Amino acid sequence: MKITMWENGKIIDEVPVAGTGNPLTSPTRKGFFSVISKESNHFSSISKVWMPWSIRYSGDYYIHGWPYWPNGTRLTSQYSGGCVRLKDEDAKKVYDFSKEGTFITVR
């Protein structure tokens, strides 16, 4: 899995996806979307964790960096709560590239 950033019909960059939701209990929402909002560090009211470089694309679904608890401890689960999880440095690239309205396809 990867995120590909396109501009004017050309690939600008690609980054690997580090994790997605558990397909049985918390699947990642798939389809065609656009960036709704961005926050450099969003606090999830559902999971009670901080999510760096967060890009909201549908409801409570985000593309974001590696989440961590309020005490600073990073999560160790291979699955997200349904979001698209990236390594922090890759999430920053995608965050810097995107703006509100940028089209997103999740498949």
N, C-alpha and C. Protein backbone atom coordinates (compact mmCIF):
# COMPACT_ATOMS: atom_id res chain seq x y z
N MET A 1 0.84 -1.17 0.00
CA MET A 1 0.00 0.00 0.00
C MET A 1 0.89 1.24 0.00
N LYS A 2 0.43 2.26 -0.71
CA LYS A 2 1.20 3.50 -0.77
C LYS A 2 0.29 4.67 -1.05
N ILE A 3 0.80 5.85 -0.77
CA ILE A 3 0.13 7.09 -1.14
C ILE A 3 0.96 7.70 -2.26
N THR A 4 0.27 8.02 -3.36
CA THR A 4 0.93 8.64 -4.50
C THR A 4 0.41 10.07 -4.62
N MET A 5 1.31 11.03 -4.67
CA MET A 5 0.93 12.43 -4.81
C MET A 5 1.12 12.85 -6.26
N TRP A 6 0.05 13.34 -6.86
CA TRP A 6 0.03 13.74 -8.27
C TRP A 6 -0.15 15.25 -8.38
N GLU A 7 0.47 15.81 -9.39
CA GLU A 7 0.25 17.23 -9.70
C GLU A 7 0.40 17.41 -11.21
N ASN A 8 -0.62 18.00 -11.83
CA ASN A 8 -0.62 18.21 -13.28
C ASN A 8 -0.33 16.92 -14.05
N GLY A 9 -0.92 15.81 -13.59
CA GLY A 9 -0.78 14.54 -14.30
C GLY A 9 0.54 13.83 -14.10
N LYS A 10 1.38 14.34 -13.19
CA LYS A 10 2.69 13.72 -12.95
C LYS A 10 2.83 13.33 -11.49
N ILE A 11 3.52 12.21 -11.26
CA ILE A 11 3.78 11.78 -9.88
C ILE A 11 4.85 12.68 -9.28
N ILE A 12 4.52 13.27 -8.14
CA ILE A 12 5.44 14.14 -7.41
C ILE A 12 6.25 13.34 -6.39
N ASP A 13 5.55 12.43 -5.69
CA ASP A 13 6.20 11.63 -4.64
C ASP A 13 5.30 10.46 -4.29
N GLU A 14 5.87 9.45 -3.66
CA GLU A 14 5.13 8.31 -3.14
C GLU A 14 5.67 7.96 -1.77
N VAL A 15 4.76 7.58 -0.86
CA VAL A 15 5.18 7.15 0.48
C VAL A 15 4.43 5.87 0.84
N PRO A 16 5.07 4.98 1.59
CA PRO A 16 4.39 3.73 1.99
C PRO A 16 3.37 3.98 3.09
N VAL A 17 2.30 3.19 3.08
CA VAL A 17 1.31 3.22 4.15
C VAL A 17 1.79 2.28 5.24
N ALA A 18 1.79 2.75 6.47
CA ALA A 18 2.28 1.95 7.59
C ALA A 18 1.18 1.08 8.20
N GLY A 19 -0.08 1.46 8.03
CA GLY A 19 -1.16 0.66 8.58
C GLY A 19 -2.52 1.24 8.24
N THR A 20 -3.51 0.36 8.27
CA THR A 20 -4.90 0.76 8.06
C THR A 20 -5.74 0.05 9.12
N GLY A 21 -7.05 0.26 9.05
CA GLY A 21 -7.94 -0.35 10.03
C GLY A 21 -8.02 -1.86 9.89
N ASN A 22 -8.41 -2.49 10.99
CA ASN A 22 -8.63 -3.93 10.98
C ASN A 22 -9.84 -4.22 10.10
N PRO A 23 -9.68 -5.03 9.05
CA PRO A 23 -10.80 -5.26 8.12
C PRO A 23 -12.05 -5.85 8.78
N LEU A 24 -11.90 -6.53 9.91
CA LEU A 24 -13.05 -7.15 10.57
C LEU A 24 -13.72 -6.23 11.59
N THR A 25 -12.94 -5.42 12.30
CA THR A 25 -13.52 -4.63 13.40
C THR A 25 -13.52 -3.13 13.17
N SER A 26 -12.60 -2.61 12.38
CA SER A 26 -12.53 -1.16 12.16
C SER A 26 -11.95 -0.87 10.77
N PRO A 27 -12.68 -1.26 9.73
CA PRO A 27 -12.14 -1.10 8.37
C PRO A 27 -11.93 0.37 7.98
N THR A 28 -10.94 0.59 7.15
CA THR A 28 -10.68 1.92 6.61
C THR A 28 -11.73 2.22 5.55
N ARG A 29 -12.28 3.42 5.61
CA ARG A 29 -13.30 3.81 4.63
C ARG A 29 -12.64 4.02 3.27
N LYS A 30 -13.18 3.38 2.25
CA LYS A 30 -12.61 3.45 0.90
C LYS A 30 -13.55 4.18 -0.03
N GLY A 31 -12.97 4.80 -1.06
CA GLY A 31 -13.77 5.51 -2.04
C GLY A 31 -13.05 6.76 -2.53
N PHE A 32 -13.85 7.68 -3.06
CA PHE A 32 -13.32 8.94 -3.58
C PHE A 32 -13.71 10.07 -2.64
N PHE A 33 -12.72 10.84 -2.21
CA PHE A 33 -12.93 11.89 -1.21
C PHE A 33 -12.11 13.12 -1.57
N SER A 34 -12.19 14.12 -0.70
CA SER A 34 -11.27 15.26 -0.80
C SER A 34 -10.93 15.69 0.62
N VAL A 35 -9.82 16.41 0.76
CA VAL A 35 -9.38 16.87 2.07
C VAL A 35 -10.43 17.83 2.63
N ILE A 36 -10.93 17.50 3.81
CA ILE A 36 -11.92 18.34 4.50
C ILE A 36 -11.22 19.37 5.38
N SER A 37 -10.22 18.89 6.13
CA SER A 37 -9.48 19.79 7.03
C SER A 37 -8.13 19.17 7.36
N LYS A 38 -7.25 20.00 7.91
CA LYS A 38 -5.91 19.56 8.30
C LYS A 38 -5.58 20.14 9.67
N GLU A 39 -4.87 19.36 10.47
CA GLU A 39 -4.35 19.81 11.76
C GLU A 39 -2.97 19.22 11.95
N SER A 40 -2.04 20.03 12.41
CA SER A 40 -0.68 19.52 12.60
C SER A 40 -0.62 18.46 13.69
N ASN A 41 -1.57 18.48 14.62
CA ASN A 41 -1.62 17.45 15.66
C ASN A 41 -3.05 17.38 16.19
N HIS A 42 -3.81 16.40 15.71
CA HIS A 42 -5.22 16.25 16.09
C HIS A 42 -5.36 15.28 17.26
N PHE A 43 -6.21 15.63 18.24
CA PHE A 43 -6.49 14.70 19.33
C PHE A 43 -7.77 13.95 19.00
N SER A 44 -7.70 12.63 18.92
CA SER A 44 -8.85 11.79 18.61
C SER A 44 -9.72 11.64 19.84
N SER A 45 -10.95 12.13 19.74
CA SER A 45 -11.89 11.97 20.86
C SER A 45 -12.39 10.53 20.95
N ILE A 46 -12.21 9.76 19.89
CA ILE A 46 -12.63 8.35 19.88
C ILE A 46 -11.56 7.46 20.52
N SER A 47 -10.33 7.57 20.03
CA SER A 47 -9.23 6.71 20.51
C SER A 47 -8.45 7.32 21.67
N LYS A 48 -8.64 8.61 21.91
CA LYS A 48 -7.94 9.33 23.00
C LYS A 48 -6.43 9.34 22.78
N VAL A 49 -6.02 9.53 21.53
CA VAL A 49 -4.60 9.62 21.18
C VAL A 49 -4.37 10.86 20.32
N TRP A 50 -3.11 11.31 20.30
CA TRP A 50 -2.70 12.39 19.40
C TRP A 50 -2.29 11.79 18.07
N MET A 51 -2.69 12.46 16.98
CA MET A 51 -2.38 11.98 15.64
C MET A 51 -1.67 13.11 14.88
N PRO A 52 -0.34 13.04 14.76
CA PRO A 52 0.40 14.11 14.09
C PRO A 52 0.10 14.16 12.59
N TRP A 53 0.17 15.36 12.04
CA TRP A 53 0.01 15.61 10.60
C TRP A 53 -1.29 15.01 10.07
N SER A 54 -2.40 15.35 10.72
CA SER A 54 -3.71 14.78 10.41
C SER A 54 -4.41 15.48 9.25
N ILE A 55 -4.92 14.67 8.35
CA ILE A 55 -5.70 15.13 7.20
C ILE A 55 -7.04 14.40 7.25
N ARG A 56 -8.11 15.13 7.52
CA ARG A 56 -9.44 14.50 7.59
C ARG A 56 -10.01 14.41 6.19
N TYR A 57 -10.45 13.20 5.80
CA TYR A 57 -11.00 13.02 4.46
C TYR A 57 -12.45 12.54 4.44
N SER A 58 -12.98 12.07 5.57
CA SER A 58 -14.37 11.63 5.62
C SER A 58 -14.76 11.40 7.08
N GLY A 59 -15.76 12.10 7.57
CA GLY A 59 -16.21 11.90 8.95
C GLY A 59 -15.05 11.91 9.92
N ASP A 60 -14.87 10.79 10.65
CA ASP A 60 -13.76 10.66 11.60
C ASP A 60 -12.60 9.87 11.01
N TYR A 61 -12.46 9.84 9.71
CA TYR A 61 -11.38 9.12 9.04
C TYR A 61 -10.28 10.11 8.62
N TYR A 62 -9.05 9.74 8.96
CA TYR A 62 -7.90 10.61 8.72
C TYR A 62 -6.76 9.85 8.07
N ILE A 63 -5.90 10.59 7.42
CA ILE A 63 -4.55 10.15 7.06
C ILE A 63 -3.67 10.87 8.07
N HIS A 64 -2.77 10.15 8.76
CA HIS A 64 -2.00 10.80 9.82
C HIS A 64 -0.72 10.04 10.12
N GLY A 65 0.14 10.68 10.91
CA GLY A 65 1.37 10.05 11.37
C GLY A 65 1.09 9.06 12.49
N TRP A 66 2.17 8.53 13.08
CA TRP A 66 2.04 7.48 14.10
C TRP A 66 1.43 8.07 15.37
N PRO A 67 0.28 7.54 15.82
CA PRO A 67 -0.40 8.10 16.99
C PRO A 67 0.33 7.79 18.29
N TYR A 68 0.07 8.64 19.28
CA TYR A 68 0.68 8.44 20.60
C TYR A 68 -0.28 8.89 21.69
N TRP A 69 -0.14 8.24 22.85
CA TRP A 69 -0.96 8.55 24.02
C TRP A 69 -0.57 9.91 24.58
N PRO A 70 -1.43 10.52 25.38
CA PRO A 70 -1.11 11.82 25.99
C PRO A 70 0.20 11.83 26.78
N ASN A 71 0.64 10.67 27.28
CA ASN A 71 1.92 10.62 28.02
C ASN A 71 3.13 10.52 27.08
N GLY A 72 2.88 10.49 25.76
CA GLY A 72 3.97 10.44 24.79
C GLY A 72 4.31 9.06 24.26
N THR A 73 3.73 8.01 24.84
CA THR A 73 4.01 6.65 24.40
C THR A 73 3.34 6.38 23.05
N ARG A 74 4.12 5.88 22.10
CA ARG A 74 3.59 5.56 20.77
C ARG A 74 2.77 4.28 20.81
N LEU A 75 1.71 4.22 20.03
CA LEU A 75 0.92 3.00 19.90
C LEU A 75 1.75 1.92 19.24
N THR A 76 1.49 0.67 19.58
CA THR A 76 2.24 -0.43 19.00
C THR A 76 1.38 -1.32 18.11
N SER A 77 0.09 -1.11 18.09
CA SER A 77 -0.81 -1.94 17.27
C SER A 77 -0.49 -1.80 15.80
N GLN A 78 -0.57 -2.89 15.05
CA GLN A 78 -0.34 -2.83 13.62
C GLN A 78 -1.55 -2.24 12.90
N TYR A 79 -2.73 -2.25 13.54
CA TYR A 79 -3.94 -1.71 12.93
C TYR A 79 -4.28 -0.34 13.52
N SER A 80 -4.91 0.49 12.69
CA SER A 80 -5.45 1.76 13.17
C SER A 80 -6.92 1.54 13.52
N GLY A 81 -7.55 2.59 13.98
CA GLY A 81 -8.98 2.52 14.26
C GLY A 81 -9.81 2.73 13.00
N GLY A 82 -9.18 2.68 11.84
CA GLY A 82 -9.86 2.88 10.57
C GLY A 82 -9.17 3.93 9.72
N CYS A 83 -8.24 4.65 10.30
CA CYS A 83 -7.51 5.69 9.57
C CYS A 83 -6.40 5.08 8.72
N VAL A 84 -5.82 5.91 7.86
CA VAL A 84 -4.64 5.53 7.10
C VAL A 84 -3.44 6.06 7.87
N ARG A 85 -2.60 5.16 8.35
CA ARG A 85 -1.47 5.54 9.21
C ARG A 85 -0.18 5.54 8.39
N LEU A 86 0.63 6.59 8.62
CA LEU A 86 1.92 6.74 7.96
C LEU A 86 3.01 6.95 8.99
N LYS A 87 4.25 6.72 8.60
CA LYS A 87 5.36 7.15 9.44
C LYS A 87 5.31 8.67 9.50
N ASP A 88 5.75 9.25 10.61
CA ASP A 88 5.63 10.70 10.80
C ASP A 88 6.26 11.51 9.67
N GLU A 89 7.45 11.12 9.22
CA GLU A 89 8.11 11.92 8.18
C GLU A 89 7.34 11.84 6.85
N ASP A 90 6.71 10.70 6.59
CA ASP A 90 5.90 10.57 5.38
C ASP A 90 4.58 11.33 5.53
N ALA A 91 3.99 11.29 6.72
CA ALA A 91 2.76 12.02 6.97
C ALA A 91 2.99 13.53 6.79
N LYS A 92 4.14 14.02 7.20
CA LYS A 92 4.46 15.45 7.03
C LYS A 92 4.55 15.80 5.55
N LYS A 93 5.13 14.93 4.73
CA LYS A 93 5.21 15.17 3.28
C LYS A 93 3.81 15.30 2.68
N VAL A 94 2.94 14.36 3.04
CA VAL A 94 1.58 14.36 2.50
C VAL A 94 0.82 15.58 3.02
N TYR A 95 1.00 15.91 4.30
CA TYR A 95 0.36 17.07 4.93
C TYR A 95 0.79 18.36 4.21
N ASP A 96 2.08 18.50 3.97
CA ASP A 96 2.59 19.70 3.30
C ASP A 96 2.11 19.78 1.85
N PHE A 97 1.97 18.66 1.19
CA PHE A 97 1.55 18.61 -0.21
C PHE A 97 0.07 18.97 -0.38
N SER A 98 -0.76 18.48 0.54
CA SER A 98 -2.21 18.62 0.38
C SER A 98 -2.73 19.95 0.90
N LYS A 99 -3.91 20.29 0.42
CA LYS A 99 -4.64 21.45 0.93
C LYS A 99 -6.12 21.08 0.94
N GLU A 100 -6.94 21.86 1.60
CA GLU A 100 -8.37 21.57 1.62
C GLU A 100 -8.87 21.48 0.18
N GLY A 101 -9.62 20.43 -0.12
CA GLY A 101 -10.15 20.22 -1.45
C GLY A 101 -9.32 19.28 -2.31
N THR A 102 -8.08 18.97 -1.90
CA THR A 102 -7.26 18.03 -2.66
C THR A 102 -7.99 16.70 -2.76
N PHE A 103 -8.07 16.13 -3.96
CA PHE A 103 -8.75 14.86 -4.17
C PHE A 103 -7.95 13.70 -3.58
N ILE A 104 -8.68 12.74 -3.02
CA ILE A 104 -8.09 11.56 -2.39
C ILE A 104 -8.87 10.34 -2.84
N THR A 105 -8.16 9.31 -3.24
CA THR A 105 -8.77 8.02 -3.52
C THR A 105 -8.17 7.00 -2.54
N VAL A 106 -9.02 6.31 -1.81
CA VAL A 106 -8.57 5.27 -0.88
C VAL A 106 -9.12 3.95 -1.41
N ARG A 107 -8.19 3.02 -1.72
CA ARG A 107 -8.64 1.71 -2.20
C ARG A 107 -7.86 0.59 -1.58
